[in-house]
């Protein structure tokens, strides 16, 4: 079997090759590891055909080696850096991030059609379709009745983002001081474990979706502890509105380690029964997030 790279790799092959290369550099696949087509197809949720093409690309770049009857293994010097691949258009990850960034900066309108995106970004139709499905699954866009797509409601300007943070400082800090505030200790312990696990993960192993889900669930959990339905509703609404901006900020200036550490300090204060200190830490946390936005 030849290890030469195909003359014109498909966008899916390139996207997949980049994913695997990043994971190799991050030592998820250490030198000498055998790379099974079947296992990779399952891990990256694709068929074996694009995996085969991606492996040929990686072999041509020297990141992996091929031996007859043995398959592919990670090369000894593979951790030196991820190779660059050329393709005919943006990959799924690149298009995903460009759509988020362009909408967050209001360079992209709230409603759009697939035809408009094809013309604007020059992406292959298959890559665009997968990207739209991913954005939809992440709650960032939704199908319009009849024709096209629309972005989910979000914070429409820097002023609105600032207002949101100031509103959250008022509401979330007050929620921690409600007379009906009660900590669900098992739920708080699970939240602590989830944050500690996130901090231990490699940066390359954390997605914007993962981080936002944990971040949003933390703030909603504390709102539930308040025992005040209106505080909970307000936090849930803010979580939905800030989804797009938080995704864009993750790629721009990921502060998930600092943010998670600040969450853990709040959790520690609540575990010790000090709601006043937890409220002060919450205000400090939200202020830091606003300044970083």
Protein backbone atom coordinates (compact mmCIF):
# COMPACT_ATOMS: atom_id res chain seq x y z
CA UNK A 1 0.00 0.00 0.00
CA UNK A 2 1.48 3.38 -1.04
CA UNK A 3 1.94 6.13 1.55
CA UNK A 4 1.98 8.98 -0.99
CA UNK A 5 -0.51 11.75 -0.25
CA UNK A 6 -3.39 12.11 -2.69
CA UNK A 7 -2.94 14.98 -5.18
CA UNK A 8 -6.17 16.70 -4.10
CA UNK A 9 -7.23 15.66 -0.61
CA UNK A 10 -10.85 16.27 0.24
CA UNK A 11 -11.72 18.85 2.92
CA UNK A 12 -12.92 16.02 5.18
CA UNK A 13 -9.59 14.19 4.82
CA UNK A 14 -7.69 17.39 5.60
CA UNK A 15 -9.90 18.19 8.60
CA UNK A 16 -9.51 14.68 9.94
CA UNK A 17 -5.76 14.64 9.34
CA UNK A 18 -5.43 17.88 11.30
CA UNK A 19 -7.45 16.44 14.18
CA UNK A 20 -5.29 13.32 14.33
CA UNK A 21 -2.07 15.37 13.96
CA UNK A 22 -3.08 17.64 16.85
CA UNK A 23 -3.82 14.60 19.00
CA UNK A 24 -0.46 13.05 18.09
CA UNK A 25 1.38 16.27 19.01
CA UNK A 26 -0.61 16.38 22.27
CA UNK A 27 0.66 12.81 22.96
CA UNK A 28 -2.78 11.26 22.92
CA UNK A 29 -1.16 8.83 20.51
CA UNK A 30 2.47 8.42 21.70
CA UNK A 31 5.37 7.30 19.45
CA UNK A 32 5.06 3.67 18.41
CA UNK A 33 1.27 3.56 18.88
CA UNK A 34 -0.59 1.55 16.27
CA UNK A 35 -3.32 3.56 14.51
CA UNK A 36 -6.28 1.40 13.60
CA UNK A 37 -8.63 2.63 10.87
CA UNK A 38 -11.58 1.14 12.71
CA UNK A 39 -10.68 2.71 16.06
CA UNK A 40 -10.01 6.13 14.50
CA UNK A 41 -13.29 6.01 12.56
CA UNK A 42 -15.15 5.36 15.83
CA UNK A 43 -13.19 8.02 17.74
CA UNK A 44 -13.77 10.78 15.18
CA UNK A 45 -17.27 9.64 14.15
CA UNK A 46 -16.52 9.15 10.46
CA UNK A 47 -16.36 6.21 8.07
CA UNK A 48 -13.13 4.32 7.40
CA UNK A 49 -12.72 5.81 3.90
CA UNK A 50 -11.78 9.37 5.02
CA UNK A 51 -9.64 7.85 7.80
CA UNK A 52 -7.66 5.97 5.16
CA UNK A 53 -7.08 9.20 3.22
CA UNK A 54 -6.12 11.11 6.37
CA UNK A 55 -3.58 8.44 7.30
CA UNK A 56 -1.99 8.68 3.85
CA UNK A 57 -1.67 12.46 4.35
CA UNK A 58 -0.06 12.01 7.76
CA UNK A 59 2.33 9.38 6.41
CA UNK A 60 3.36 11.67 3.56
CA UNK A 61 4.19 14.34 6.17
CA UNK A 62 6.27 11.87 8.19
CA UNK A 63 4.06 12.04 11.26
CA UNK A 64 3.28 8.33 11.03
CA UNK A 65 4.91 5.37 9.29
CA UNK A 66 3.40 2.52 7.30
CA UNK A 67 4.61 -1.06 7.22
CA UNK A 68 3.08 -3.76 4.98
CA UNK A 69 0.79 -6.09 6.94
CA UNK A 70 1.28 -4.00 10.07
CA UNK A 71 -0.56 -0.77 9.27
CA UNK A 72 0.32 2.68 10.58
CA UNK A 73 2.26 3.60 13.70
CA UNK A 74 3.14 6.98 15.21
CA UNK A 75 6.64 8.10 14.25
CA UNK A 76 9.33 8.61 16.90
CA UNK A 77 9.68 12.36 16.17
CA UNK A 78 5.93 12.95 15.75
CA UNK A 79 5.62 15.39 18.67
CA UNK A 80 7.81 17.97 16.93
CA UNK A 81 4.77 19.78 15.55
CA UNK A 82 1.62 19.44 13.51
CA UNK A 83 2.14 19.58 9.72
CA UNK A 84 0.39 21.98 7.38
CA UNK A 85 -2.07 20.64 4.83
CA UNK A 86 -3.45 22.30 1.74
CA UNK A 87 -7.04 21.92 0.62
CA UNK A 88 -9.55 23.54 -1.67
CA UNK A 89 -11.42 25.40 1.08
CA UNK A 90 -11.88 25.84 4.84
CA UNK A 91 -12.12 22.73 6.99
CA UNK A 92 -15.11 22.13 9.23
CA UNK A 93 -13.33 23.49 12.32
CA UNK A 94 -12.10 26.57 10.47
CA UNK A 95 -15.54 27.32 9.03
CA UNK A 96 -17.19 26.78 12.45
CA UNK A 97 -14.89 29.32 14.07
CA UNK A 98 -15.20 31.84 11.22
CA UNK A 99 -19.00 31.74 11.37
CA UNK A 100 -18.96 32.28 15.14
CA UNK A 101 -16.40 35.11 14.93
CA UNK A 102 -18.18 36.82 12.04
CA UNK A 103 -21.55 36.70 13.79
CA UNK A 104 -20.09 37.82 17.14
CA UNK A 105 -18.57 40.86 15.37
CA UNK A 106 -21.86 41.33 13.49
CA UNK A 107 -20.14 40.81 10.16
CA UNK A 108 -22.71 38.09 9.44
CA UNK A 109 -26.47 38.81 9.56
CA UNK A 110 -28.80 37.07 11.97
CA UNK A 111 -30.50 35.12 9.17
CA UNK A 112 -28.80 33.45 6.22
CA UNK A 113 -29.09 30.70 3.62
CA UNK A 114 -26.68 27.91 2.74
CA UNK A 115 -26.29 29.42 -0.72
CA UNK A 116 -25.12 32.73 0.78
CA UNK A 117 -22.54 30.96 2.95
CA UNK A 118 -21.26 28.91 0.03
CA UNK A 119 -20.65 32.09 -1.94
CA UNK A 120 -19.12 33.96 0.97
CA UNK A 121 -16.75 31.32 2.41
CA UNK A 122 -16.00 29.10 -0.58
CA UNK A 123 -16.49 25.97 1.48
CA UNK A 124 -17.43 22.65 -0.12
CA UNK A 125 -21.11 21.88 0.33
CA UNK A 126 -20.36 18.76 2.41
CA UNK A 127 -18.19 20.76 4.84
CA UNK A 128 -20.83 23.48 5.14
CA UNK A 129 -23.56 20.92 5.84
CA UNK A 130 -21.54 19.29 8.64
CA UNK A 131 -20.65 22.70 10.10
CA UNK A 132 -24.29 23.81 10.20
CA UNK A 133 -25.27 20.56 11.90
CA UNK A 134 -22.55 21.12 14.52
CA UNK A 135 -23.65 24.72 15.13
CA UNK A 136 -27.25 23.54 15.44
CA UNK A 137 -26.29 20.78 17.90
CA UNK A 138 -24.40 23.37 19.98
CA UNK A 139 -27.51 25.56 20.14
CA UNK A 140 -25.97 28.43 18.16
CA UNK A 141 -28.25 28.34 15.12
CA UNK A 142 -31.71 27.02 14.34
CA UNK A 143 -33.60 26.18 11.16
CA UNK A 144 -36.03 28.85 9.99
CA UNK A 145 -39.57 27.96 9.05
CA UNK A 146 -39.60 27.58 5.31
CA UNK A 147 -36.09 28.54 4.24
CA UNK A 148 -32.63 29.16 5.62
CA UNK A 149 -31.14 29.41 9.10
CA UNK A 150 -30.94 31.96 11.89
CA UNK A 151 -28.60 32.49 14.81
CA UNK A 152 -30.07 31.97 18.26
CA UNK A 153 -30.80 35.18 20.21
CA UNK A 154 -27.59 36.66 21.61
CA UNK A 155 -26.03 39.80 23.08
CA UNK A 156 -26.07 42.16 20.12
CA UNK A 157 -23.25 44.55 21.07
CA UNK A 158 -20.34 45.20 23.43
CA UNK A 159 -22.68 47.46 25.41
CA UNK A 160 -25.22 44.64 25.74
CA UNK A 161 -22.46 42.27 26.89
CA UNK A 162 -21.37 44.75 29.55
CA UNK A 163 -24.97 45.23 30.69
CA UNK A 164 -25.37 41.45 30.90
CA UNK A 165 -22.36 41.08 33.18
CA UNK A 166 -23.50 43.91 35.45
CA UNK A 167 -26.98 42.39 35.60
CA UNK A 168 -25.48 39.00 36.48
CA UNK A 169 -23.37 40.58 39.24
CA UNK A 170 -26.59 41.89 40.76
CA UNK A 171 -28.70 38.76 40.31
CA UNK A 172 -26.21 35.95 40.92
CA UNK A 173 -24.57 37.52 43.96
CA UNK A 174 -28.00 38.23 45.45
CA UNK A 175 -29.01 34.62 44.79
CA UNK A 176 -26.18 33.40 47.00
CA UNK A 177 -27.55 35.52 49.85
CA UNK A 178 -31.21 34.54 49.53
CA UNK A 179 -32.81 33.37 52.84
CA UNK A 180 -34.05 30.30 50.96
CA UNK A 181 -30.54 29.37 49.74
CA UNK A 182 -29.82 25.68 50.33
CA UNK A 183 -26.80 23.72 49.07
CA UNK A 184 -27.37 20.30 47.53
CA UNK A 185 -24.10 18.77 48.78
CA UNK A 186 -23.97 15.78 46.38
CA UNK A 187 -24.69 18.06 43.40
CA UNK A 188 -22.03 20.54 44.53
CA UNK A 189 -19.52 17.70 44.96
CA UNK A 190 -20.22 16.52 41.41
CA UNK A 191 -19.71 20.08 40.15
CA UNK A 192 -16.38 20.29 41.98
CA UNK A 193 -15.25 16.99 40.43
CA UNK A 194 -16.22 18.15 36.94
CA UNK A 195 -14.18 21.36 37.33
CA UNK A 196 -11.17 19.53 38.73
CA UNK A 197 -11.32 17.08 35.81
CA UNK A 198 -11.47 19.95 33.30
CA UNK A 199 -8.40 21.64 34.77
CA UNK A 200 -6.44 18.39 34.48
CA UNK A 201 -7.23 17.97 30.77
CA UNK A 202 -4.87 19.11 28.02
CA UNK A 203 -5.82 22.42 26.43
CA UNK A 204 -6.20 20.73 23.04
CA UNK A 205 -8.68 18.32 24.57
CA UNK A 206 -11.15 21.04 25.64
CA UNK A 207 -13.71 22.46 23.23
CA UNK A 208 -15.71 25.67 23.47
CA UNK A 209 -18.85 23.56 23.76
CA UNK A 210 -17.44 21.53 26.67
CA UNK A 211 -16.37 24.65 28.52
CA UNK A 212 -19.58 26.57 27.96
CA UNK A 213 -21.70 23.62 29.09
CA UNK A 214 -19.80 23.32 32.38
CA UNK A 215 -19.70 27.09 32.88
CA UNK A 216 -23.43 27.50 32.27
CA UNK A 217 -24.36 24.52 34.45
CA UNK A 218 -22.28 25.92 37.34
CA UNK A 219 -24.09 29.27 37.33
CA UNK A 220 -27.47 27.59 36.90
CA UNK A 221 -26.79 25.18 39.77
CA UNK A 222 -26.09 28.03 42.19
CA UNK A 223 -29.23 29.81 40.98
CA UNK A 224 -31.20 26.63 41.78
CA UNK A 225 -29.69 26.60 45.27
CA UNK A 226 -31.13 30.11 45.82
CA UNK A 227 -34.65 28.69 45.95
CA UNK A 228 -35.84 31.74 44.01
CA UNK A 229 -37.52 30.81 40.72
CA UNK A 230 -37.06 34.28 39.25
CA UNK A 231 -33.31 34.28 39.85
CA UNK A 232 -33.11 30.84 38.23
CA UNK A 233 -35.10 32.02 35.19
CA UNK A 234 -32.87 35.08 34.82
CA UNK A 235 -29.68 33.01 34.92
CA UNK A 236 -31.09 30.51 32.42
CA UNK A 237 -31.99 33.35 30.05
CA UNK A 238 -28.53 34.89 30.37
CA UNK A 239 -26.90 31.52 29.68
CA UNK A 240 -28.83 31.25 26.44
CA UNK A 241 -28.04 34.83 25.38
CA UNK A 242 -24.31 34.58 26.07
CA UNK A 243 -23.78 31.27 24.26
CA UNK A 244 -22.47 32.79 21.01
CA UNK A 245 -20.23 35.39 22.65
CA UNK A 246 -18.77 32.82 25.04
CA UNK A 247 -17.91 30.50 22.14
CA UNK A 248 -16.21 33.36 20.27
CA UNK A 249 -14.30 34.42 23.41
CA UNK A 250 -13.09 30.85 23.99
CA UNK A 251 -11.18 30.86 20.70
CA UNK A 252 -10.02 34.45 21.13
CA UNK A 253 -8.74 34.28 24.70
CA UNK A 254 -9.48 30.98 26.40
CA UNK A 255 -9.42 31.60 30.17
CA UNK A 256 -11.03 28.30 31.11
CA UNK A 257 -8.33 27.43 33.66
CA UNK A 258 -8.66 30.76 35.49
CA UNK A 259 -12.44 30.67 35.24
CA UNK A 260 -12.62 27.09 36.51
CA UNK A 261 -10.27 27.92 39.40
CA UNK A 262 -12.51 30.86 40.33
CA UNK A 263 -15.53 28.55 40.26
CA UNK A 264 -13.69 26.14 42.58
CA UNK A 265 -13.04 28.97 45.06
CA UNK A 266 -16.76 29.74 45.13
CA UNK A 267 -17.56 26.05 45.60
CA UNK A 268 -15.07 25.88 48.49
CA UNK A 269 -16.72 28.88 50.17
CA UNK A 270 -20.15 27.24 49.86
CA UNK A 271 -18.82 23.93 51.20
CA UNK A 272 -17.63 25.78 54.28
CA UNK A 273 -21.01 27.50 54.63
CA UNK A 274 -19.73 31.03 53.93
CA UNK A 275 -22.31 32.49 51.55
CA UNK A 276 -21.09 36.07 52.07
CA UNK A 277 -17.60 35.16 50.90
CA UNK A 278 -19.04 33.14 48.01
CA UNK A 279 -21.01 36.21 46.89
CA UNK A 280 -17.87 38.37 46.98
CA UNK A 281 -15.96 35.77 44.98
CA UNK A 282 -18.80 35.60 42.46
CA UNK A 283 -18.71 39.36 41.93
CA UNK A 284 -14.92 39.23 41.49
CA UNK A 285 -15.27 36.32 39.04
CA UNK A 286 -17.89 38.05 36.88
CA UNK A 287 -15.91 41.31 36.91
CA UNK A 288 -12.78 39.48 35.73
CA UNK A 289 -14.78 37.81 32.94
CA UNK A 290 -16.16 41.17 31.84
CA UNK A 291 -12.68 42.72 31.73
CA UNK A 292 -11.43 39.79 29.64
CA UNK A 293 -14.31 40.05 27.15
